[in-house]
Amino acid sequence: MIDWVALTESLGSSPWLYLILMSVSLLDSFLPLIPSEPVIILAGVFAAAGSTNLGLVIGATAVGAFLGDQVPYALGRRLSAAIGKRLPPGSRRRATHEWIARQLAARGGFVLVSTRFIPVGRYLVTVTTGMVRYSYRQFVLFTLVGGAAWGAYTVMTGYLGGVLFQDNALLAFAVGLGLALLLSGVMELIRRIRARDTVT
């Protein structure tokens, strides 16, 4: 199995870093076990140190995220009948699918952009988007926005840590990862509150 973090560390000042960022961002869109956030945050730390270009790091991450989102959408659209059979009526999986479908119908743009920041959530939503035949033109638009926002946010948490702790790369990485986890937790809390208010 590839050690993505170690690979990133070894290629921190190489042009190959951008390919790594595109790859982990793409794969993470449908393989949640890929450690994209630590890799991207580490690249942000490298950008703060001047080892790599900040704009290209954000761009490579955003492109990978956008391309990766197209995979579960295509799978959902092509395999909707087969996936639907694995969602028996009355099951929790069926209820989750139907809830996501309702949210997409009511406010698809917000759902697609906000769930890009939730590792498993973005996969479930993009698969469901394909299954319900959500407009591909709108899907492209919102996944472009979501991928760019997620890429910039994730890279900048590492970059901020790198700027604050220029002499300690390990501490900079830890601070960047901590910021990402904290902000993701806040966003998830806001999402849950909004979902609860919608239900009530």
N, C-alpha and C. Protein backbone atom coordinates (compact mmCIF):
# COMPACT_ATOMS: atom_id res chain seq x y z
N MET A 1 0.85 -1.19 0.00
CA MET A 1 0.00 0.00 0.00
C MET A 1 0.89 1.25 0.00
N ILE A 2 0.51 2.25 -0.76
CA ILE A 2 1.31 3.47 -0.88
C ILE A 2 1.23 4.29 0.40
N ASP A 3 2.39 4.72 0.89
CA ASP A 3 2.43 5.66 2.01
C ASP A 3 2.44 7.06 1.39
N TRP A 4 1.26 7.65 1.26
CA TRP A 4 1.13 8.92 0.55
C TRP A 4 1.85 10.05 1.27
N VAL A 5 1.80 10.04 2.60
CA VAL A 5 2.45 11.11 3.36
C VAL A 5 3.96 11.06 3.18
N ALA A 6 4.53 9.85 3.29
CA ALA A 6 5.97 9.70 3.11
C ALA A 6 6.38 10.07 1.69
N LEU A 7 5.56 9.69 0.72
CA LEU A 7 5.84 10.03 -0.67
C LEU A 7 5.83 11.54 -0.87
N THR A 8 4.87 12.21 -0.24
CA THR A 8 4.78 13.66 -0.32
C THR A 8 6.00 14.32 0.31
N GLU A 9 6.42 13.81 1.45
CA GLU A 9 7.60 14.35 2.12
C GLU A 9 8.85 14.23 1.24
N SER A 10 8.98 13.13 0.55
CA SER A 10 10.17 12.91 -0.27
C SER A 10 10.16 13.73 -1.56
N LEU A 11 8.97 14.17 -1.99
CA LEU A 11 8.87 14.92 -3.24
C LEU A 11 8.37 16.35 -3.00
N GLY A 12 8.59 16.86 -1.80
CA GLY A 12 8.05 18.16 -1.41
C GLY A 12 8.45 19.32 -2.29
N SER A 13 9.61 19.26 -2.90
CA SER A 13 10.06 20.36 -3.76
C SER A 13 10.13 19.95 -5.23
N SER A 14 9.49 18.82 -5.56
CA SER A 14 9.52 18.30 -6.93
C SER A 14 8.20 18.61 -7.65
N PRO A 15 8.25 18.82 -8.97
CA PRO A 15 7.01 18.99 -9.74
C PRO A 15 6.07 17.79 -9.62
N TRP A 16 6.60 16.62 -9.28
CA TRP A 16 5.77 15.43 -9.10
C TRP A 16 4.78 15.60 -7.96
N LEU A 17 5.04 16.55 -7.06
CA LEU A 17 4.13 16.79 -5.94
C LEU A 17 2.73 17.13 -6.45
N TYR A 18 2.65 17.89 -7.54
CA TYR A 18 1.34 18.29 -8.05
C TYR A 18 0.54 17.08 -8.55
N LEU A 19 1.24 16.10 -9.13
CA LEU A 19 0.57 14.88 -9.57
C LEU A 19 0.07 14.09 -8.35
N ILE A 20 0.87 14.06 -7.29
CA ILE A 20 0.44 13.38 -6.07
C ILE A 20 -0.82 14.04 -5.52
N LEU A 21 -0.84 15.37 -5.49
CA LEU A 21 -2.01 16.09 -4.97
C LEU A 21 -3.25 15.82 -5.81
N MET A 22 -3.10 15.82 -7.13
CA MET A 22 -4.24 15.50 -7.99
C MET A 22 -4.72 14.08 -7.73
N SER A 23 -3.77 13.16 -7.55
CA SER A 23 -4.13 11.74 -7.38
C SER A 23 -4.88 11.51 -6.07
N VAL A 24 -4.35 12.04 -4.96
CA VAL A 24 -5.01 11.78 -3.67
C VAL A 24 -6.37 12.47 -3.61
N SER A 25 -6.47 13.66 -4.21
CA SER A 25 -7.76 14.37 -4.22
C SER A 25 -8.78 13.63 -5.06
N LEU A 26 -8.34 13.09 -6.19
CA LEU A 26 -9.23 12.33 -7.06
C LEU A 26 -9.68 11.05 -6.38
N LEU A 27 -8.73 10.27 -5.87
CA LEU A 27 -9.06 8.97 -5.27
C LEU A 27 -9.90 9.12 -4.01
N ASP A 28 -9.65 10.18 -3.23
CA ASP A 28 -10.38 10.39 -1.99
C ASP A 28 -11.86 10.65 -2.22
N SER A 29 -12.22 11.07 -3.43
CA SER A 29 -13.62 11.34 -3.73
C SER A 29 -14.48 10.10 -3.72
N PHE A 30 -13.87 8.93 -3.92
CA PHE A 30 -14.65 7.68 -3.89
C PHE A 30 -13.96 6.56 -3.12
N LEU A 31 -12.77 6.82 -2.57
CA LEU A 31 -12.08 5.87 -1.70
C LEU A 31 -11.72 6.59 -0.41
N PRO A 32 -12.65 6.64 0.55
CA PRO A 32 -12.46 7.46 1.76
C PRO A 32 -11.22 7.11 2.60
N LEU A 33 -10.61 5.95 2.38
CA LEU A 33 -9.44 5.58 3.17
C LEU A 33 -8.16 6.26 2.68
N ILE A 34 -8.21 6.90 1.52
CA ILE A 34 -7.05 7.64 1.02
C ILE A 34 -6.84 8.87 1.90
N PRO A 35 -5.65 9.07 2.46
CA PRO A 35 -5.43 10.18 3.41
C PRO A 35 -5.15 11.50 2.69
N SER A 36 -6.15 12.05 2.01
CA SER A 36 -5.91 13.25 1.22
C SER A 36 -5.59 14.47 2.07
N GLU A 37 -6.35 14.68 3.16
CA GLU A 37 -6.16 15.89 3.96
C GLU A 37 -4.73 16.02 4.50
N PRO A 38 -4.15 14.97 5.14
CA PRO A 38 -2.77 15.12 5.63
C PRO A 38 -1.78 15.44 4.52
N VAL A 39 -1.96 14.82 3.36
CA VAL A 39 -1.05 15.06 2.23
C VAL A 39 -1.17 16.51 1.76
N ILE A 40 -2.40 16.99 1.62
CA ILE A 40 -2.62 18.35 1.12
C ILE A 40 -2.14 19.39 2.13
N ILE A 41 -2.41 19.14 3.41
CA ILE A 41 -1.94 20.06 4.46
C ILE A 41 -0.42 20.12 4.47
N LEU A 42 0.23 18.98 4.29
CA LEU A 42 1.69 18.95 4.25
C LEU A 42 2.21 19.75 3.05
N ALA A 43 1.52 19.66 1.92
CA ALA A 43 1.91 20.45 0.75
C ALA A 43 1.75 21.94 1.04
N GLY A 44 0.72 22.30 1.82
CA GLY A 44 0.55 23.69 2.22
C GLY A 44 1.70 24.18 3.09
N VAL A 45 2.19 23.30 3.97
CA VAL A 45 3.36 23.63 4.80
C VAL A 45 4.58 23.87 3.91
N PHE A 46 4.77 23.01 2.90
CA PHE A 46 5.88 23.17 1.96
C PHE A 46 5.77 24.51 1.20
N ALA A 47 4.53 24.87 0.83
CA ALA A 47 4.33 26.13 0.12
C ALA A 47 4.71 27.32 1.00
N ALA A 48 4.38 27.23 2.29
CA ALA A 48 4.74 28.31 3.21
C ALA A 48 6.26 28.43 3.34
N ALA A 49 6.96 27.33 3.21
CA ALA A 49 8.42 27.34 3.30
C ALA A 49 9.08 27.75 1.99
N GLY A 50 8.28 27.91 0.94
CA GLY A 50 8.83 28.30 -0.36
C GLY A 50 9.33 27.14 -1.19
N SER A 51 9.05 25.90 -0.74
CA SER A 51 9.53 24.73 -1.48
C SER A 51 8.70 24.44 -2.72
N THR A 52 7.48 24.95 -2.74
CA THR A 52 6.60 24.70 -3.87
C THR A 52 5.68 25.89 -4.06
N ASN A 53 4.93 25.93 -5.15
CA ASN A 53 4.10 27.07 -5.49
C ASN A 53 2.70 26.94 -4.90
N LEU A 54 2.29 27.92 -4.10
CA LEU A 54 0.99 27.86 -3.42
C LEU A 54 -0.16 27.75 -4.41
N GLY A 55 -0.14 28.58 -5.45
CA GLY A 55 -1.24 28.56 -6.43
C GLY A 55 -1.36 27.23 -7.14
N LEU A 56 -0.23 26.63 -7.50
CA LEU A 56 -0.26 25.33 -8.17
C LEU A 56 -0.70 24.22 -7.23
N VAL A 57 -0.34 24.32 -5.96
CA VAL A 57 -0.78 23.33 -4.97
C VAL A 57 -2.30 23.36 -4.85
N ILE A 58 -2.86 24.57 -4.73
CA ILE A 58 -4.32 24.70 -4.64
C ILE A 58 -4.98 24.22 -5.93
N GLY A 59 -4.41 24.62 -7.07
CA GLY A 59 -4.98 24.23 -8.36
C GLY A 59 -4.98 22.74 -8.58
N ALA A 60 -3.87 22.07 -8.28
CA ALA A 60 -3.79 20.62 -8.46
C ALA A 60 -4.78 19.91 -7.55
N THR A 61 -4.90 20.39 -6.33
CA THR A 61 -5.85 19.78 -5.38
C THR A 61 -7.28 19.95 -5.85
N ALA A 62 -7.63 21.15 -6.32
CA ALA A 62 -8.99 21.43 -6.78
C ALA A 62 -9.34 20.62 -8.02
N VAL A 63 -8.41 20.51 -8.96
CA VAL A 63 -8.65 19.73 -10.18
C VAL A 63 -8.88 18.26 -9.84
N GLY A 64 -8.04 17.72 -8.97
CA GLY A 64 -8.21 16.33 -8.56
C GLY A 64 -9.54 16.08 -7.89
N ALA A 65 -9.95 17.00 -7.02
CA ALA A 65 -11.24 16.86 -6.33
C ALA A 65 -12.39 16.89 -7.32
N PHE A 66 -12.34 17.83 -8.27
CA PHE A 66 -13.40 17.94 -9.27
C PHE A 66 -13.50 16.67 -10.11
N LEU A 67 -12.37 16.20 -10.61
CA LEU A 67 -12.38 14.98 -11.44
C LEU A 67 -12.85 13.77 -10.64
N GLY A 68 -12.43 13.71 -9.37
CA GLY A 68 -12.84 12.58 -8.54
C GLY A 68 -14.33 12.55 -8.29
N ASP A 69 -14.97 13.71 -8.17
CA ASP A 69 -16.41 13.76 -7.94
C ASP A 69 -17.21 13.22 -9.12
N GLN A 70 -16.60 13.25 -10.30
CA GLN A 70 -17.33 12.76 -11.48
C GLN A 70 -17.49 11.24 -11.45
N VAL A 71 -16.59 10.55 -10.74
CA VAL A 71 -16.63 9.08 -10.73
C VAL A 71 -17.87 8.55 -10.01
N PRO A 72 -18.12 8.93 -8.73
CA PRO A 72 -19.33 8.42 -8.09
C PRO A 72 -20.62 8.91 -8.75
N TYR A 73 -20.59 10.10 -9.35
CA TYR A 73 -21.78 10.55 -10.09
C TYR A 73 -22.07 9.60 -11.24
N ALA A 74 -21.02 9.27 -12.00
CA ALA A 74 -21.20 8.37 -13.15
C ALA A 74 -21.64 6.99 -12.69
N LEU A 75 -21.07 6.50 -11.59
CA LEU A 75 -21.46 5.19 -11.07
C LEU A 75 -22.92 5.20 -10.63
N GLY A 76 -23.31 6.25 -9.94
CA GLY A 76 -24.71 6.35 -9.49
C GLY A 76 -25.67 6.39 -10.65
N ARG A 77 -25.30 7.11 -11.69
CA ARG A 77 -26.19 7.23 -12.86
C ARG A 77 -26.27 5.91 -13.63
N ARG A 78 -25.13 5.25 -13.78
CA ARG A 78 -25.08 4.03 -14.59
C ARG A 78 -25.62 2.82 -13.83
N LEU A 79 -25.41 2.79 -12.52
CA LEU A 79 -25.76 1.62 -11.72
C LEU A 79 -26.90 1.89 -10.74
N SER A 80 -27.75 2.85 -11.07
CA SER A 80 -28.81 3.24 -10.13
C SER A 80 -29.73 2.08 -9.76
N ALA A 81 -30.08 1.25 -10.73
CA ALA A 81 -30.97 0.12 -10.45
C ALA A 81 -30.30 -0.89 -9.52
N ALA A 82 -29.04 -1.21 -9.81
CA ALA A 82 -28.32 -2.19 -8.98
C ALA A 82 -28.10 -1.66 -7.57
N ILE A 83 -27.75 -0.37 -7.46
CA ILE A 83 -27.55 0.21 -6.13
C ILE A 83 -28.87 0.27 -5.38
N GLY A 84 -29.94 0.61 -6.10
CA GLY A 84 -31.26 0.69 -5.47
C GLY A 84 -31.70 -0.62 -4.85
N LYS A 85 -31.30 -1.76 -5.45
CA LYS A 85 -31.66 -3.07 -4.90
C LYS A 85 -30.97 -3.33 -3.56
N ARG A 86 -29.86 -2.63 -3.33
CA ARG A 86 -29.15 -2.78 -2.06
C ARG A 86 -29.66 -1.83 -0.99
N LEU A 87 -30.76 -1.14 -1.31
CA LEU A 87 -31.38 -0.21 -0.36
C LEU A 87 -32.81 -0.66 -0.09
N PRO A 88 -32.98 -1.72 0.69
CA PRO A 88 -34.33 -2.26 0.91
C PRO A 88 -35.25 -1.26 1.61
N PRO A 89 -36.53 -1.23 1.23
CA PRO A 89 -37.49 -0.32 1.86
C PRO A 89 -37.50 -0.50 3.38
N GLY A 90 -37.55 0.60 4.08
CA GLY A 90 -37.59 0.55 5.54
C GLY A 90 -36.22 0.51 6.20
N SER A 91 -35.17 0.33 5.39
CA SER A 91 -33.82 0.25 5.96
C SER A 91 -33.26 1.65 6.20
N ARG A 92 -32.24 1.70 7.04
CA ARG A 92 -31.60 2.99 7.31
C ARG A 92 -30.91 3.53 6.06
N ARG A 93 -30.34 2.63 5.27
CA ARG A 93 -29.69 3.06 4.04
C ARG A 93 -30.68 3.69 3.07
N ARG A 94 -31.87 3.09 2.97
CA ARG A 94 -32.90 3.64 2.10
C ARG A 94 -33.35 5.01 2.60
N ALA A 95 -33.52 5.14 3.92
CA ALA A 95 -33.93 6.41 4.50
C ALA A 95 -32.89 7.49 4.25
N THR A 96 -31.60 7.12 4.37
CA THR A 96 -30.52 8.08 4.12
C THR A 96 -30.53 8.53 2.66
N HIS A 97 -30.67 7.56 1.76
CA HIS A 97 -30.72 7.88 0.33
C HIS A 97 -31.88 8.82 0.02
N GLU A 98 -33.06 8.53 0.56
CA GLU A 98 -34.23 9.35 0.26
C GLU A 98 -34.08 10.74 0.86
N TRP A 99 -33.45 10.84 2.05
CA TRP A 99 -33.23 12.14 2.66
C TRP A 99 -32.27 12.98 1.81
N ILE A 100 -31.19 12.37 1.34
CA ILE A 100 -30.23 13.09 0.50
C ILE A 100 -30.91 13.53 -0.80
N ALA A 101 -31.74 12.66 -1.38
CA ALA A 101 -32.45 13.00 -2.62
C ALA A 101 -33.35 14.21 -2.41
N ARG A 102 -34.05 14.26 -1.27
CA ARG A 102 -34.91 15.41 -0.98
C ARG A 102 -34.09 16.69 -0.83
N GLN A 103 -32.96 16.57 -0.14
CA GLN A 103 -32.10 17.75 0.06
C GLN A 103 -31.56 18.26 -1.27
N LEU A 104 -31.18 17.35 -2.16
CA LEU A 104 -30.68 17.74 -3.48
C LEU A 104 -31.76 18.46 -4.27
N ALA A 105 -32.98 17.98 -4.18
CA ALA A 105 -34.09 18.60 -4.91
C ALA A 105 -34.38 20.00 -4.37
N ALA A 106 -34.22 20.17 -3.05
CA ALA A 106 -34.56 21.45 -2.43
C ALA A 106 -33.45 22.47 -2.53
N ARG A 107 -32.20 22.05 -2.37
CA ARG A 107 -31.06 22.98 -2.34
C ARG A 107 -29.78 22.25 -2.76
N GLY A 108 -29.78 21.79 -3.99
CA GLY A 108 -28.69 20.96 -4.49
C GLY A 108 -27.33 21.61 -4.41
N GLY A 109 -27.24 22.90 -4.75
CA GLY A 109 -25.96 23.57 -4.74
C GLY A 109 -25.33 23.60 -3.37
N PHE A 110 -26.11 23.97 -2.37
CA PHE A 110 -25.60 24.02 -1.00
C PHE A 110 -25.14 22.64 -0.54
N VAL A 111 -25.93 21.62 -0.85
CA VAL A 111 -25.60 20.26 -0.42
C VAL A 111 -24.30 19.79 -1.06
N LEU A 112 -24.15 20.00 -2.37
CA LEU A 112 -22.94 19.55 -3.08
C LEU A 112 -21.69 20.27 -2.60
N VAL A 113 -21.79 21.56 -2.38
CA VAL A 113 -20.61 22.32 -1.94
C VAL A 113 -20.26 22.00 -0.49
N SER A 114 -21.24 21.96 0.39
CA SER A 114 -20.95 21.75 1.82
C SER A 114 -20.48 20.33 2.12
N THR A 115 -21.05 19.32 1.44
CA THR A 115 -20.64 17.95 1.74
C THR A 115 -19.28 17.60 1.16
N ARG A 116 -18.72 18.45 0.29
CA ARG A 116 -17.34 18.23 -0.17
C ARG A 116 -16.37 18.24 1.00
N PHE A 117 -16.76 18.88 2.11
CA PHE A 117 -15.90 18.97 3.28
C PHE A 117 -16.11 17.82 4.26
N ILE A 118 -17.01 16.89 3.92
CA ILE A 118 -17.31 15.75 4.79
C ILE A 118 -16.89 14.48 4.07
N PRO A 119 -15.81 13.80 4.53
CA PRO A 119 -15.21 12.69 3.77
C PRO A 119 -16.19 11.65 3.23
N VAL A 120 -16.98 11.00 4.07
CA VAL A 120 -17.91 9.99 3.57
C VAL A 120 -19.14 10.64 2.97
N GLY A 121 -19.53 11.78 3.51
CA GLY A 121 -20.71 12.49 3.05
C GLY A 121 -20.64 12.86 1.58
N ARG A 122 -19.45 13.30 1.12
CA ARG A 122 -19.34 13.71 -0.27
C ARG A 122 -19.54 12.53 -1.22
N TYR A 123 -19.11 11.34 -0.80
CA TYR A 123 -19.28 10.15 -1.64
C TYR A 123 -20.77 9.78 -1.73
N LEU A 124 -21.43 9.74 -0.59
CA LEU A 124 -22.86 9.37 -0.58
C LEU A 124 -23.68 10.35 -1.41
N VAL A 125 -23.37 11.63 -1.28
CA VAL A 125 -24.13 12.65 -1.99
C VAL A 125 -23.88 12.57 -3.50
N THR A 126 -22.63 12.41 -3.92
CA THR A 126 -22.37 12.38 -5.36
C THR A 126 -22.94 11.13 -6.01
N VAL A 127 -22.91 9.99 -5.31
CA VAL A 127 -23.55 8.78 -5.84
C VAL A 127 -25.06 9.01 -5.99
N THR A 128 -25.68 9.56 -4.95
CA THR A 128 -27.12 9.81 -4.99
C THR A 128 -27.46 10.81 -6.08
N THR A 129 -26.60 11.80 -6.29
CA THR A 129 -26.83 12.79 -7.33
C THR A 129 -26.95 12.12 -8.70
N GLY A 130 -26.07 11.16 -8.95
CA GLY A 130 -26.16 10.41 -10.19
C GLY A 130 -27.41 9.54 -10.26
N MET A 131 -27.75 8.91 -9.15
CA MET A 131 -28.91 8.02 -9.12
C MET A 131 -30.21 8.76 -9.42
N VAL A 132 -30.35 9.98 -8.92
CA VAL A 132 -31.60 10.73 -9.11
C VAL A 132 -31.58 11.56 -10.40
N ARG A 133 -30.52 11.37 -11.21
CA ARG A 133 -30.39 12.07 -12.50
C ARG A 133 -30.38 13.59 -12.31
N TYR A 134 -29.64 14.04 -11.30
CA TYR A 134 -29.49 15.48 -11.07
C TYR A 134 -28.82 16.09 -12.31
N SER A 135 -29.21 17.30 -12.66
CA SER A 135 -28.68 17.97 -13.85
C SER A 135 -27.15 17.95 -13.84
N TYR A 136 -26.56 17.35 -14.88
CA TYR A 136 -25.10 17.25 -14.92
C TYR A 136 -24.46 18.63 -15.07
N ARG A 137 -25.11 19.52 -15.78
CA ARG A 137 -24.56 20.87 -15.94
C ARG A 137 -24.44 21.56 -14.58
N GLN A 138 -25.48 21.44 -13.77
CA GLN A 138 -25.42 22.03 -12.43
C GLN A 138 -24.44 21.28 -11.54
N PHE A 139 -24.38 19.97 -11.71
CA PHE A 139 -23.44 19.17 -10.93
C PHE A 139 -22.01 19.62 -11.20
N VAL A 140 -21.67 19.82 -12.47
CA VAL A 140 -20.33 20.28 -12.83
C VAL A 140 -20.04 21.64 -12.18
N LEU A 141 -20.99 22.55 -12.26
CA LEU A 141 -20.80 23.88 -11.69
C LEU A 141 -20.53 23.80 -10.19
N PHE A 142 -21.38 23.06 -9.48
CA PHE A 142 -21.26 23.03 -8.02
C PHE A 142 -20.05 22.21 -7.56
N THR A 143 -19.67 21.19 -8.31
CA THR A 143 -18.48 20.44 -7.91
C THR A 143 -17.21 21.23 -8.24
N LEU A 144 -17.26 22.09 -9.24
CA LEU A 144 -16.14 23.01 -9.49
C LEU A 144 -15.97 23.97 -8.31
N VAL A 145 -17.07 24.55 -7.88
CA VAL A 145 -17.03 25.47 -6.74
C VAL A 145 -16.60 24.75 -5.47
N GLY A 146 -17.20 23.59 -5.22
CA GLY A 146 -16.87 22.84 -4.01
C GLY A 146 -15.43 22.36 -4.00
N GLY A 147 -14.95 21.85 -5.14
CA GLY A 147 -13.57 21.38 -5.22
C GLY A 147 -12.57 22.50 -5.01
N ALA A 148 -12.85 23.68 -5.60
CA ALA A 148 -11.96 24.82 -5.44
C ALA A 148 -11.96 25.31 -4.00
N ALA A 149 -13.14 25.38 -3.38
CA ALA A 149 -13.22 25.85 -1.99
C ALA A 149 -12.53 24.87 -1.04
N TRP A 150 -12.77 23.57 -1.25
CA TRP A 150 -12.15 22.56 -0.40
C TRP A 150 -10.64 22.55 -0.57
N GLY A 151 -10.18 22.66 -1.81
CA GLY A 151 -8.75 22.68 -2.08
C GLY A 151 -8.07 23.86 -1.41
N ALA A 152 -8.66 25.05 -1.58
CA ALA A 152 -8.08 26.25 -0.98
C ALA A 152 -8.08 26.17 0.54
N TYR A 153 -9.19 25.73 1.10
CA TYR A 153 -9.31 25.62 2.56
C TYR A 153 -8.29 24.64 3.14
N THR A 154 -8.16 23.47 2.53
CA THR A 154 -7.27 22.45 3.06
C THR A 154 -5.81 22.86 2.93
N VAL A 155 -5.45 23.40 1.76
CA VAL A 155 -4.07 23.85 1.56
C VAL A 155 -3.73 24.98 2.51
N MET A 156 -4.65 25.93 2.67
CA MET A 156 -4.36 27.11 3.48
C MET A 156 -4.23 26.80 4.96
N THR A 157 -4.87 25.73 5.44
CA THR A 157 -4.66 25.35 6.84
C THR A 157 -3.20 24.93 7.05
N GLY A 158 -2.66 24.19 6.10
CA GLY A 158 -1.24 23.82 6.17
C GLY A 158 -0.34 25.03 5.98
N TYR A 159 -0.72 25.89 5.05
CA TYR A 159 0.08 27.09 4.77
C TYR A 159 0.13 27.99 6.01
N LEU A 160 -1.00 28.17 6.67
CA LEU A 160 -1.04 29.01 7.88
C LEU A 160 -0.16 28.42 8.96
N GLY A 161 -0.24 27.09 9.15
CA GLY A 161 0.63 26.45 10.13
C GLY A 161 2.09 26.64 9.78
N GLY A 162 2.40 26.57 8.48
CA GLY A 162 3.78 26.75 8.03
C GLY A 162 4.29 28.16 8.25
N VAL A 163 3.41 29.15 8.06
CA VAL A 163 3.80 30.55 8.27
C VAL A 163 4.03 30.82 9.76
N LEU A 164 3.15 30.27 10.60
CA LEU A 164 3.26 30.51 12.03
C LEU A 164 4.45 29.80 12.66
N PHE A 165 4.81 28.63 12.11
CA PHE A 165 5.87 27.82 12.71
C PHE A 165 6.89 27.44 11.64
N GLN A 166 7.54 28.44 11.09
CA GLN A 166 8.46 28.22 9.97
C GLN A 166 9.64 27.33 10.33
N ASP A 167 10.06 27.35 11.60
CA ASP A 167 11.26 26.60 11.99
C ASP A 167 10.96 25.18 12.45
N ASN A 168 9.70 24.80 12.45
CA ASN A 168 9.33 23.47 12.94
C ASN A 168 8.26 22.88 12.02
N ALA A 169 8.70 22.14 11.01
CA ALA A 169 7.75 21.61 10.01
C ALA A 169 6.75 20.64 10.64
N LEU A 170 7.20 19.84 11.61
CA LEU A 170 6.30 18.88 12.25
C LEU A 170 5.20 19.60 13.02
N LEU A 171 5.57 20.65 13.76
CA LEU A 171 4.58 21.42 14.50
C LEU A 171 3.65 22.15 13.54
N ALA A 172 4.20 22.67 12.45
CA ALA A 172 3.38 23.35 11.44
C ALA A 172 2.34 22.40 10.86
N PHE A 173 2.76 21.17 10.58
CA PHE A 173 1.84 20.16 10.05
C PHE A 173 0.76 19.83 11.08
N ALA A 174 1.17 19.67 12.35
CA ALA A 174 0.22 19.34 13.41
C ALA A 174 -0.80 20.46 13.60
N VAL A 175 -0.34 21.70 13.56
CA VAL A 175 -1.24 22.84 13.70
C VAL A 175 -2.20 22.90 12.51
N GLY A 176 -1.68 22.70 11.31
CA GLY A 176 -2.53 22.70 10.12
C GLY A 176 -3.60 21.63 10.18
N LEU A 177 -3.19 20.42 10.58
CA LEU A 177 -4.15 19.32 10.69
C LEU A 177 -5.18 19.62 11.77
N GLY A 178 -4.73 20.19 12.89
CA GLY A 178 -5.66 20.55 13.97
C GLY A 178 -6.67 21.58 13.52
N LEU A 179 -6.21 22.59 12.78
CA LEU A 179 -7.13 23.60 12.26
C LEU A 179 -8.15 22.99 11.31
N ALA A 180 -7.69 22.09 10.46
CA ALA A 180 -8.61 21.44 9.52
C ALA A 180 -9.67 20.63 10.25
N LEU A 181 -9.24 19.88 11.27
CA LEU A 181 -10.20 19.07 12.04
C LEU A 181 -11.18 19.96 12.80
N LEU A 182 -10.67 21.05 13.37
CA LEU A 182 -11.54 21.96 14.12
C LEU A 182 -12.58 22.60 13.22
N LEU A 183 -12.14 23.12 12.08
CA LEU A 183 -13.07 23.78 11.17
C LEU A 183 -14.06 22.78 10.56
N SER A 184 -13.59 21.56 10.28
CA SER A 184 -14.50 20.53 9.76
C SER A 184 -15.56 20.18 10.80
N GLY A 185 -15.14 20.11 12.07
CA GLY A 185 -16.08 19.83 13.15
C GLY A 185 -17.13 20.92 13.28
N VAL A 186 -16.70 22.17 13.17
CA VAL A 186 -17.63 23.29 13.25
C VAL A 186 -18.62 23.24 12.08
N MET A 187 -18.12 22.96 10.88
CA MET A 187 -19.00 22.88 9.72
C MET A 187 -20.00 21.74 9.85
N GLU A 188 -19.54 20.60 10.38
CA GLU A 188 -20.45 19.47 10.56
C GLU A 188 -21.52 19.81 11.60
N LEU A 189 -21.14 20.52 12.66
CA LEU A 189 -22.11 20.93 13.68
C LEU A 189 -23.16 21.86 13.08
N ILE A 190 -22.71 22.82 12.26
CA ILE A 190 -23.64 23.74 11.61
C ILE A 190 -24.58 22.97 10.68
N ARG A 191 -24.02 21.99 9.95
CA ARG A 191 -24.85 21.19 9.03
C ARG A 191 -25.93 20.43 9.80
N ARG A 192 -25.55 19.86 10.93
CA ARG A 192 -26.52 19.08 11.72
C ARG A 192 -27.61 19.97 12.30
N ILE A 193 -27.23 21.16 12.74
CA ILE A 193 -28.22 22.09 13.28
C ILE A 193 -29.20 22.51 12.20
N ARG A 194 -28.65 22.79 11.00
CA ARG A 194 -29.52 23.18 9.87
C ARG A 194 -30.45 22.03 9.48
N ALA A 195 -29.91 20.80 9.50
CA ALA A 195 -30.74 19.63 9.16
C ALA A 195 -31.84 19.43 10.19
N ARG A 196 -31.52 19.63 11.46
CA ARG A 196 -32.52 19.47 12.52
C ARG A 196 -33.60 20.52 12.40
N ASP A 197 -33.20 21.77 12.08
CA ASP A 197 -34.17 22.84 11.93
C ASP A 197 -35.09 22.58 10.73
N THR A 198 -34.52 21.97 9.67
CA THR A 198 -35.31 21.66 8.49
C THR A 198 -36.37 20.61 8.80
N VAL A 199 -35.96 19.60 9.61
CA VAL A 199 -36.90 18.52 9.97
C VAL A 199 -38.02 19.05 10.85
N THR A 200 -37.66 19.92 11.82
CA THR A 200 -38.66 20.45 12.74
C THR A 200 -39.48 21.54 12.08
